[in-house]
N, C-alpha and C. Protein backbone atom coordinates (compact mmCIF):
# COMPACT_ATOMS: atom_id res chain seq x y z
N MET A 1 -7.11 2.77 -22.79
CA MET A 1 -6.84 4.23 -22.88
C MET A 1 -7.68 4.12 -21.50
N ALA A 2 -8.56 3.69 -21.01
CA ALA A 2 -9.56 3.78 -20.06
C ALA A 2 -8.23 4.34 -19.11
N GLU A 3 -7.18 3.22 -19.03
CA GLU A 3 -6.52 3.88 -17.57
C GLU A 3 -5.86 4.69 -17.66
N HIS A 4 -5.61 5.46 -18.75
CA HIS A 4 -5.59 7.08 -18.15
C HIS A 4 -6.22 8.23 -18.21
N THR A 5 -7.44 7.53 -17.63
CA THR A 5 -8.30 8.62 -17.41
C THR A 5 -7.88 8.51 -15.95
N VAL A 6 -7.62 7.64 -15.09
CA VAL A 6 -7.68 7.63 -13.99
C VAL A 6 -5.88 8.03 -13.00
N THR A 7 -4.91 7.39 -14.05
CA THR A 7 -3.43 7.71 -13.31
C THR A 7 -2.95 9.05 -14.30
N TYR A 8 -3.63 9.69 -15.40
CA TYR A 8 -3.26 10.64 -15.80
C TYR A 8 -4.15 11.58 -15.61
N GLY A 9 -3.92 13.24 -15.44
CA GLY A 9 -4.60 14.01 -15.56
C GLY A 9 -4.48 14.30 -15.06
N TRP A 10 -4.92 15.57 -14.80
CA TRP A 10 -5.24 16.81 -13.90
C TRP A 10 -6.70 17.90 -13.77
N ASP A 11 -6.53 18.00 -12.72
CA ASP A 11 -7.48 19.25 -12.24
C ASP A 11 -7.53 19.86 -11.38
N ALA A 12 -7.92 21.28 -10.96
CA ALA A 12 -7.81 22.22 -9.46
C ALA A 12 -7.75 21.03 -8.59
N SER A 13 -8.49 20.87 -7.99
CA SER A 13 -8.88 19.80 -6.51
C SER A 13 -8.20 19.39 -5.76
N MET A 14 -6.48 19.16 -7.20
CA MET A 14 -5.54 18.42 -7.17
C MET A 14 -4.84 19.03 -5.82
N GLU A 15 -4.46 18.37 -4.41
CA GLU A 15 -2.91 19.47 -4.52
C GLU A 15 -2.38 19.42 -4.91
N ILE A 16 -1.72 19.67 -6.21
CA ILE A 16 -0.77 19.26 -6.31
C ILE A 16 -0.45 20.42 -7.57
N SER A 17 0.66 20.70 -8.09
CA SER A 17 1.01 21.62 -9.07
C SER A 17 0.34 21.08 -10.56
N LEU A 18 0.43 22.07 -11.80
CA LEU A 18 -0.22 21.27 -12.68
C LEU A 18 1.50 20.57 -13.22
N TYR A 19 2.53 21.69 -13.06
CA TYR A 19 4.05 21.62 -13.37
C TYR A 19 4.46 20.16 -12.84
N ASP A 20 4.49 19.83 -11.12
CA ASP A 20 4.69 18.75 -10.83
C ASP A 20 4.60 17.46 -11.04
N LYS A 21 2.60 17.37 -11.21
CA LYS A 21 1.97 16.35 -12.07
C LYS A 21 1.89 16.54 -12.90
N ILE A 22 2.37 16.83 -14.60
CA ILE A 22 3.38 16.41 -15.49
C ILE A 22 4.94 15.29 -15.08
N ARG A 23 5.27 16.41 -14.08
CA ARG A 23 6.93 15.90 -14.28
C ARG A 23 6.86 14.76 -13.30
N GLN A 24 5.70 14.21 -12.76
CA GLN A 24 5.17 12.81 -12.04
C GLN A 24 4.33 11.55 -13.12
N ASP A 25 3.75 12.02 -14.25
CA ASP A 25 3.31 11.68 -14.75
C ASP A 25 4.35 10.91 -15.50
N MET A 26 5.27 12.23 -15.83
CA MET A 26 6.21 11.47 -16.91
C MET A 26 6.97 10.41 -16.58
N LYS A 27 7.74 10.37 -14.88
CA LYS A 27 7.91 9.65 -14.46
C LYS A 27 7.08 7.58 -14.46
N THR A 28 5.80 7.57 -13.85
CA THR A 28 4.99 6.89 -13.86
C THR A 28 5.24 6.75 -15.26
N SER A 29 4.73 6.87 -16.36
CA SER A 29 4.88 6.61 -17.79
C SER A 29 5.97 5.75 -18.20
N MET A 30 7.31 6.40 -17.65
CA MET A 30 8.66 5.65 -17.71
C MET A 30 8.45 4.22 -17.35
N LEU A 31 7.77 4.36 -15.72
CA LEU A 31 8.06 2.93 -15.43
C LEU A 31 6.96 2.09 -15.70
N LYS A 32 5.66 2.26 -15.46
CA LYS A 32 4.73 1.87 -16.70
C LYS A 32 5.56 1.27 -18.20
N LYS A 33 6.01 1.99 -19.22
CA LYS A 33 6.94 1.60 -20.55
C LYS A 33 5.55 2.63 -20.93
N ASP A 34 4.76 3.00 -20.76
CA ASP A 34 3.39 3.78 -21.48
C ASP A 34 4.46 4.96 -22.26
N THR A 35 5.02 4.61 -23.45
CA THR A 35 5.60 5.53 -24.39
C THR A 35 4.49 6.56 -24.81
N ALA A 36 3.35 6.72 -25.23
CA ALA A 36 2.46 7.25 -25.77
C ALA A 36 2.69 9.18 -24.85
N VAL A 37 1.95 8.14 -23.06
CA VAL A 37 1.94 9.21 -22.90
C VAL A 37 3.58 9.50 -22.18
N ARG A 38 4.40 9.07 -22.03
CA ARG A 38 6.46 9.81 -21.99
C ARG A 38 6.42 10.68 -23.43
N ASP A 39 5.91 10.75 -24.64
CA ASP A 39 6.23 11.30 -25.13
C ASP A 39 5.33 12.51 -25.34
N THR A 40 4.17 12.36 -24.12
CA THR A 40 3.17 13.86 -24.37
C THR A 40 3.75 14.97 -23.47
N MET A 41 3.88 13.24 -21.80
CA MET A 41 4.90 14.17 -21.40
C MET A 41 6.42 15.42 -22.15
N ARG A 42 7.23 14.82 -22.67
CA ARG A 42 8.23 14.99 -23.03
C ARG A 42 7.77 16.48 -23.78
N LEU A 43 7.19 16.25 -24.85
CA LEU A 43 6.51 17.39 -25.92
C LEU A 43 5.81 18.37 -25.08
N ILE A 44 5.55 18.62 -23.96
CA ILE A 44 4.52 19.48 -22.87
C ILE A 44 5.79 20.43 -22.08
N MET A 45 7.22 19.19 -21.60
CA MET A 45 8.00 20.03 -20.80
C MET A 45 9.07 20.39 -21.79
N GLY A 46 9.27 20.29 -22.89
CA GLY A 46 10.34 20.52 -23.74
C GLY A 46 9.30 22.10 -24.16
N ALA A 47 8.37 22.47 -23.80
CA ALA A 47 8.08 23.53 -24.34
C ALA A 47 8.03 24.86 -22.72
N PHE A 48 8.32 24.34 -22.29
CA PHE A 48 8.83 24.75 -20.94
C PHE A 48 10.36 25.88 -21.29
N PRO A 49 10.85 26.19 -21.33
CA PRO A 49 11.72 27.45 -22.22
C PRO A 49 11.03 28.27 -23.57
N GLU A 50 10.05 28.21 -23.76
CA GLU A 50 9.06 29.14 -24.78
C GLU A 50 8.46 29.94 -23.56
N ILE A 51 8.62 29.68 -22.11
CA ILE A 51 7.61 30.38 -21.33
C ILE A 51 8.82 31.73 -20.87
N THR A 52 8.68 32.06 -21.31
CA THR A 52 9.36 33.35 -20.57
C THR A 52 8.92 34.40 -19.93
N VAL A 53 9.63 34.95 -19.06
CA VAL A 53 9.40 36.77 -18.46
C VAL A 53 10.08 37.82 -18.88
N PRO A 54 9.67 39.00 -19.33
CA PRO A 54 10.39 40.42 -20.28
C PRO A 54 11.73 40.70 -18.44
N ILE A 55 12.87 40.97 -19.22
CA ILE A 55 13.84 41.27 -18.48
C ILE A 55 13.93 42.83 -19.16
N THR A 56 15.23 42.98 -18.33
CA THR A 56 15.86 44.57 -18.53
C THR A 56 17.45 43.99 -18.24
N LEU A 57 18.07 44.38 -19.68
CA LEU A 57 20.05 44.10 -19.39
C LEU A 57 20.02 45.07 -18.98
N GLU A 58 21.33 45.06 -18.15
CA GLU A 58 22.38 46.26 -17.54
C GLU A 58 21.82 47.51 -18.74
N SER A 59 22.34 47.52 -20.44
CA SER A 59 22.94 48.54 -21.39
C SER A 59 20.96 48.54 -21.34
N GLY A 60 20.50 48.57 -21.17
CA GLY A 60 18.90 49.07 -21.19
C GLY A 60 18.41 48.61 -22.17
N LYS A 61 18.98 47.16 -23.06
CA LYS A 61 18.19 46.91 -23.49
C LYS A 61 16.64 45.80 -23.58
N LYS A 62 16.17 45.80 -23.77
CA LYS A 62 14.66 44.97 -23.64
C LYS A 62 15.03 43.17 -23.82
N SER A 63 14.87 42.16 -22.76
CA SER A 63 14.82 41.09 -23.53
C SER A 63 13.94 39.59 -22.34
N THR A 64 14.13 38.84 -22.58
CA THR A 64 13.95 37.69 -21.97
C THR A 64 14.38 36.56 -21.64
N ARG A 65 13.85 35.56 -20.52
CA ARG A 65 14.58 34.56 -19.79
C ARG A 65 13.25 33.86 -19.71
N ALA A 66 13.41 32.64 -19.71
CA ALA A 66 12.89 31.08 -19.51
C ALA A 66 12.28 31.74 -18.21
N LYS A 67 11.42 31.19 -17.88
CA LYS A 67 10.98 30.96 -16.25
C LYS A 67 11.71 29.91 -15.43
N THR A 68 11.75 29.99 -14.38
CA THR A 68 12.34 28.83 -13.31
C THR A 68 10.92 27.46 -13.30
N PRO A 69 11.39 27.18 -12.01
CA PRO A 69 9.97 25.81 -12.90
C PRO A 69 9.29 26.50 -11.59
N GLU A 70 9.59 27.71 -10.70
CA GLU A 70 9.07 27.71 -9.45
C GLU A 70 8.12 28.93 -9.96
N GLU A 71 7.94 29.57 -11.07
CA GLU A 71 7.77 30.95 -11.60
C GLU A 71 6.78 30.64 -12.48
N ILE A 72 6.56 28.91 -12.89
CA ILE A 72 5.84 28.96 -14.26
C ILE A 72 4.28 28.71 -13.84
N THR A 73 3.34 29.01 -13.83
CA THR A 73 2.11 29.19 -12.97
C THR A 73 0.76 27.88 -14.17
N ASP A 74 0.25 27.82 -13.28
CA ASP A 74 -0.30 26.34 -14.27
C ASP A 74 -1.52 26.95 -15.53
N GLU A 75 -1.38 28.38 -15.23
CA GLU A 75 -1.88 29.37 -16.80
C GLU A 75 -1.25 29.22 -18.36
N ASP A 76 0.59 28.71 -17.59
CA ASP A 76 1.42 28.93 -18.25
C ASP A 76 1.33 27.74 -19.26
N ILE A 77 1.41 26.43 -18.70
CA ILE A 77 1.00 25.20 -18.75
C ILE A 77 0.08 24.90 -19.63
N HIS A 78 -1.18 25.47 -19.28
CA HIS A 78 -2.49 25.17 -20.08
C HIS A 78 -1.67 26.04 -21.20
N ASN A 79 -1.95 26.90 -21.70
CA ASN A 79 -1.54 27.59 -22.84
C ASN A 79 -0.49 27.01 -23.87
N ILE A 80 0.69 25.84 -23.19
CA ILE A 80 1.45 25.22 -23.84
C ILE A 80 0.18 24.33 -24.54
N ILE A 81 -0.58 23.87 -23.53
CA ILE A 81 -1.14 22.28 -24.06
C ILE A 81 -2.63 22.68 -25.08
N ARG A 82 -2.33 23.71 -24.79
CA ARG A 82 -3.99 24.33 -25.67
C ARG A 82 -3.19 24.98 -26.60
N LYS A 83 -1.79 25.29 -26.70
CA LYS A 83 -1.32 24.92 -28.35
C LYS A 83 -1.07 24.10 -29.03
N PHE A 84 -1.23 22.69 -28.23
CA PHE A 84 -0.75 21.21 -28.51
C PHE A 84 -2.04 20.16 -29.29
N VAL A 85 -3.28 21.01 -28.72
CA VAL A 85 -4.56 20.81 -29.00
C VAL A 85 -5.07 21.32 -30.31
N LYS A 86 -4.78 22.33 -30.11
CA LYS A 86 -4.99 23.15 -31.25
C LYS A 86 -4.75 22.74 -32.48
N SER A 87 -3.14 21.91 -32.76
CA SER A 87 -2.53 22.17 -33.72
C SER A 87 -3.12 20.10 -34.06
N GLU A 88 -3.41 19.23 -33.20
CA GLU A 88 -3.92 18.22 -33.05
C GLU A 88 -5.22 18.01 -33.28
N LYS A 89 -5.92 19.27 -33.12
CA LYS A 89 -7.27 19.21 -33.83
C LYS A 89 -7.15 19.42 -35.22
N THR A 90 -6.05 20.12 -35.54
CA THR A 90 -5.94 20.66 -37.34
C THR A 90 -5.42 19.46 -38.13
N VAL A 91 -4.91 18.52 -37.72
CA VAL A 91 -3.84 17.71 -38.38
C VAL A 91 -5.61 16.23 -38.05
N LEU A 92 -6.09 16.41 -37.41
CA LEU A 92 -7.20 15.36 -37.22
C LEU A 92 -8.28 15.56 -38.05
N GLU A 93 -8.23 16.53 -38.33
CA GLU A 93 -9.23 17.07 -39.35
C GLU A 93 -9.54 17.17 -40.42
N LEU A 94 -7.64 17.38 -41.30
CA LEU A 94 -7.28 17.29 -42.17
C LEU A 94 -7.40 15.33 -42.08
N LYS A 95 -6.81 14.39 -41.25
CA LYS A 95 -7.52 13.04 -41.68
C LYS A 95 -8.86 12.97 -41.97
N LYS A 96 -9.88 13.29 -41.61
CA LYS A 96 -10.48 13.73 -41.32
C LYS A 96 -11.74 12.20 -39.94
N GLU A 97 -10.90 13.09 -39.17
CA GLU A 97 -10.66 12.27 -37.80
C GLU A 97 -11.64 13.30 -36.87
N THR A 98 -11.58 12.60 -35.44
CA THR A 98 -13.01 13.44 -35.15
C THR A 98 -12.30 13.68 -33.54
N SER A 99 -11.19 12.77 -32.67
CA SER A 99 -10.46 12.58 -31.69
C SER A 99 -8.76 11.65 -31.86
N SER A 100 -8.43 11.39 -30.65
CA SER A 100 -7.07 10.53 -30.46
C SER A 100 -7.06 10.46 -29.57
N ASP A 101 -6.34 9.46 -29.09
CA ASP A 101 -6.15 9.05 -27.92
C ASP A 101 -4.69 10.29 -27.45
N TYR A 102 -4.14 11.07 -28.01
CA TYR A 102 -3.00 11.77 -27.47
C TYR A 102 -3.99 13.39 -27.45
N LEU A 103 -5.09 13.45 -28.12
CA LEU A 103 -5.98 14.44 -27.92
C LEU A 103 -6.33 14.30 -26.40
N LYS A 104 -7.14 13.28 -26.25
CA LYS A 104 -8.16 12.83 -24.87
C LYS A 104 -6.88 12.64 -24.25
N LEU A 105 -5.57 12.79 -23.77
CA LEU A 105 -4.76 12.49 -23.15
C LEU A 105 -4.63 14.26 -22.48
N LEU A 106 -4.01 14.92 -23.75
CA LEU A 106 -3.56 16.26 -23.58
C LEU A 106 -5.21 17.11 -22.91
N GLU A 107 -6.38 16.74 -23.17
CA GLU A 107 -7.71 17.36 -23.27
C GLU A 107 -7.43 17.43 -21.34
N SER A 108 -7.13 15.75 -20.82
CA SER A 108 -7.19 15.59 -19.12
C SER A 108 -6.29 16.86 -18.49
N TYR A 109 -5.31 17.47 -18.86
CA TYR A 109 -4.65 18.12 -18.28
C TYR A 109 -5.23 19.50 -18.37
N LEU A 110 -6.37 20.01 -19.17
CA LEU A 110 -6.72 21.53 -19.13
C LEU A 110 -7.97 21.40 -18.32
N PRO A 111 -8.61 22.62 -17.75
CA PRO A 111 -8.99 22.59 -17.02
C PRO A 111 -10.72 22.63 -18.03
N LYS A 112 -11.85 21.75 -17.24
CA LYS A 112 -13.05 21.22 -17.90
C LYS A 112 -13.57 22.47 -18.69
N MET A 113 -13.96 22.03 -19.65
CA MET A 113 -14.30 23.14 -20.62
C MET A 113 -16.21 23.27 -20.07
N ALA A 114 -16.97 24.70 -20.73
CA ALA A 114 -18.01 25.40 -19.99
C ALA A 114 -18.56 24.04 -20.67
N THR A 115 -20.38 23.61 -20.51
CA THR A 115 -20.86 23.12 -21.46
C THR A 115 -21.72 24.29 -22.29
N THR A 116 -22.31 23.69 -23.04
CA THR A 116 -23.55 24.64 -23.91
C THR A 116 -24.72 24.86 -22.98
N GLU A 117 -25.57 23.89 -22.53
CA GLU A 117 -26.42 24.22 -21.28
C GLU A 117 -25.67 25.06 -20.58
N GLU A 118 -24.30 24.94 -20.10
CA GLU A 118 -24.11 26.04 -18.84
C GLU A 118 -23.69 27.58 -19.40
N ILE A 119 -23.44 27.22 -20.44
CA ILE A 119 -23.66 28.39 -21.03
C ILE A 119 -24.87 29.27 -21.45
N GLU A 120 -25.40 28.58 -22.35
CA GLU A 120 -27.26 29.43 -22.31
C GLU A 120 -27.36 29.69 -20.96
N ALA A 121 -27.88 29.15 -19.87
CA ALA A 121 -28.16 29.27 -18.79
C ALA A 121 -27.46 30.69 -18.32
N TRP A 122 -26.15 30.52 -18.32
CA TRP A 122 -25.60 31.77 -17.75
C TRP A 122 -26.02 33.12 -18.61
N ILE A 123 -26.46 32.87 -19.85
CA ILE A 123 -27.03 33.75 -21.52
C ILE A 123 -27.85 34.39 -20.41
N LYS A 124 -28.57 33.28 -20.43
CA LYS A 124 -30.39 34.25 -20.50
C LYS A 124 -30.11 34.57 -18.53
N ALA A 125 -29.45 34.01 -17.76
CA ALA A 125 -29.45 34.98 -16.43
C ALA A 125 -29.23 36.60 -16.35
N ASN A 126 -27.72 36.91 -17.41
CA ASN A 126 -27.18 37.96 -17.86
C ASN A 126 -27.37 38.73 -18.85
N ILE A 127 -27.93 38.81 -19.79
CA ILE A 127 -27.17 39.26 -20.43
C ILE A 127 -29.29 39.81 -21.58
N ASP A 128 -29.05 41.06 -21.71
CA ASP A 128 -31.06 41.34 -21.82
C ASP A 128 -30.65 41.70 -23.49
N PHE A 129 -31.23 41.05 -24.11
CA PHE A 129 -31.40 41.23 -25.58
C PHE A 129 -31.74 42.30 -26.00
N SER A 130 -32.72 42.40 -25.54
CA SER A 130 -33.79 43.95 -25.75
C SER A 130 -33.27 45.48 -26.05
N ALA A 131 -31.74 45.19 -25.46
CA ALA A 131 -30.78 46.91 -25.40
C ALA A 131 -30.29 46.86 -27.05
N MET A 132 -29.81 45.22 -27.51
CA MET A 132 -28.97 44.68 -28.02
C MET A 132 -29.77 44.84 -30.22
N LYS A 133 -28.87 45.29 -30.71
CA LYS A 133 -29.38 44.94 -31.93
C LYS A 133 -29.31 43.58 -32.56
N SER A 134 -28.57 43.05 -32.31
CA SER A 134 -28.16 41.39 -32.38
C SER A 134 -27.53 40.77 -31.39
N PRO A 135 -28.52 39.84 -30.79
CA PRO A 135 -27.62 38.97 -29.85
C PRO A 135 -26.08 38.43 -30.20
N MET A 136 -25.83 38.46 -31.18
CA MET A 136 -24.30 38.73 -31.58
C MET A 136 -23.25 39.30 -30.99
N GLN A 137 -23.86 40.66 -30.12
CA GLN A 137 -23.32 42.16 -28.90
C GLN A 137 -23.05 41.17 -27.89
N ALA A 138 -23.56 40.80 -26.87
CA ALA A 138 -23.42 39.85 -26.03
C ALA A 138 -21.89 38.85 -25.92
N MET A 139 -21.09 38.96 -27.66
CA MET A 139 -20.37 37.37 -27.86
C MET A 139 -18.49 37.81 -26.52
N GLY A 140 -18.77 39.82 -26.60
CA GLY A 140 -18.09 40.44 -25.64
C GLY A 140 -17.65 39.86 -24.34
N MET A 141 -19.09 39.44 -23.79
CA MET A 141 -19.16 39.58 -22.16
C MET A 141 -19.64 38.45 -21.41
N VAL A 142 -19.72 37.19 -22.43
CA VAL A 142 -20.00 35.75 -22.33
C VAL A 142 -17.91 34.91 -22.91
N MET A 143 -17.77 35.87 -23.27
CA MET A 143 -16.59 35.17 -23.06
C MET A 143 -15.18 35.63 -22.45
N LYS A 144 -15.85 37.28 -21.78
CA LYS A 144 -15.16 37.29 -20.60
C LYS A 144 -15.15 36.98 -19.78
N HIS A 145 -16.30 36.61 -19.45
CA HIS A 145 -17.07 35.79 -18.23
C HIS A 145 -16.39 34.20 -18.46
N PHE A 146 -16.60 33.66 -19.24
CA PHE A 146 -15.96 32.28 -19.50
C PHE A 146 -14.45 32.08 -19.86
N GLY A 147 -13.94 32.93 -21.10
CA GLY A 147 -12.57 33.30 -20.68
C GLY A 147 -12.35 32.08 -21.53
N LYS A 148 -11.59 31.84 -21.22
CA LYS A 148 -10.72 30.28 -21.94
C LYS A 148 -11.14 29.00 -21.76
N LEU A 149 -12.43 29.20 -21.04
CA LEU A 149 -13.43 28.01 -20.76
C LEU A 149 -13.97 27.67 -21.65
N ALA A 150 -15.12 28.70 -22.50
CA ALA A 150 -15.34 28.43 -23.55
C ALA A 150 -14.74 28.58 -24.88
N ASP A 151 -15.45 27.98 -26.33
CA ASP A 151 -14.48 27.75 -27.43
C ASP A 151 -15.74 28.94 -28.16
N GLY A 152 -14.83 30.39 -28.06
CA GLY A 152 -15.41 30.92 -29.20
C GLY A 152 -15.95 30.47 -30.23
N ASN A 153 -16.61 29.78 -31.10
CA ASN A 153 -17.28 28.87 -32.16
C ASN A 153 -18.62 28.36 -31.48
N GLN A 154 -18.18 27.64 -29.65
CA GLN A 154 -19.20 27.60 -29.92
C GLN A 154 -20.32 28.59 -28.86
N VAL A 155 -19.84 29.33 -28.36
CA VAL A 155 -20.70 30.88 -28.07
C VAL A 155 -21.21 31.30 -29.02
N LYS A 156 -20.65 31.37 -30.23
CA LYS A 156 -21.51 32.18 -31.59
C LYS A 156 -21.94 31.13 -32.06
N GLY A 157 -22.83 29.74 -32.04
CA GLY A 157 -23.12 29.12 -32.33
C GLY A 157 -24.70 29.35 -31.46
N ILE A 158 -24.39 29.36 -30.60
CA ILE A 158 -25.44 29.74 -29.15
C ILE A 158 -26.33 30.99 -29.33
N LEU A 159 -25.21 32.11 -29.62
CA LEU A 159 -25.36 33.02 -30.08
C LEU A 159 -26.68 33.21 -30.65
N GLN A 160 -26.34 32.97 -31.97
CA GLN A 160 -27.03 32.17 -32.93
C GLN A 160 -28.12 31.75 -33.50
N GLY A 161 -27.91 30.89 -32.84
CA GLY A 161 -29.37 29.63 -32.53
C GLY A 161 -30.19 30.52 -31.59
N MET A 162 -29.20 31.64 -30.49
CA MET A 162 -30.49 32.52 -29.66
C MET A 162 -31.32 33.29 -30.68
N SER A 163 -30.58 33.99 -31.40
CA SER A 163 -31.06 35.03 -32.49
C SER A 163 -32.14 34.62 -33.52
N ALA A 164 -32.43 33.28 -33.94
CA ALA A 164 -32.34 32.20 -34.65
C ALA A 164 -34.28 32.17 -34.00
N GLU A 165 -33.86 32.21 -32.62
CA GLU A 165 -35.53 31.46 -31.85
C GLU A 165 -36.83 33.02 -32.04
N LYS A 166 -35.79 34.66 -32.37
CA LYS A 166 -36.20 35.15 -31.64
C LYS A 166 -37.43 35.36 -32.91
């Protein structure tokens, strides 16, 4: 699995779109006969037709059409991968396991999540709890700032921990 971290994965600093990187990794995995990666890339690419844009037909009826490869954004693909990560975590929970090679591979294509320390530092620097009845009222502001880079349950835990400190 160590080679996966070197060969496969994506981050915003690479000078290639996520769409192109997934296609490139698909080819690489086929050449290396790396079936686990190949199947994961196929799974992600198989979900591309689900990425749609709303259109209005000549009759005035509202509909959707699949986005062309040029229209697919990195965020669209991140949303697909997040769906697979969520379902894999559910499966692992049922199996009472914590991680899998499949999960690690999927996560290597997502932006790096904010750490607990980063979230705590931002909260301490930007939120005034004296104006709030409960630290949980800050949840919306924290999630708005971090967006999909922070897990809601993680932020909730941090805020509950801060309310216990008071």
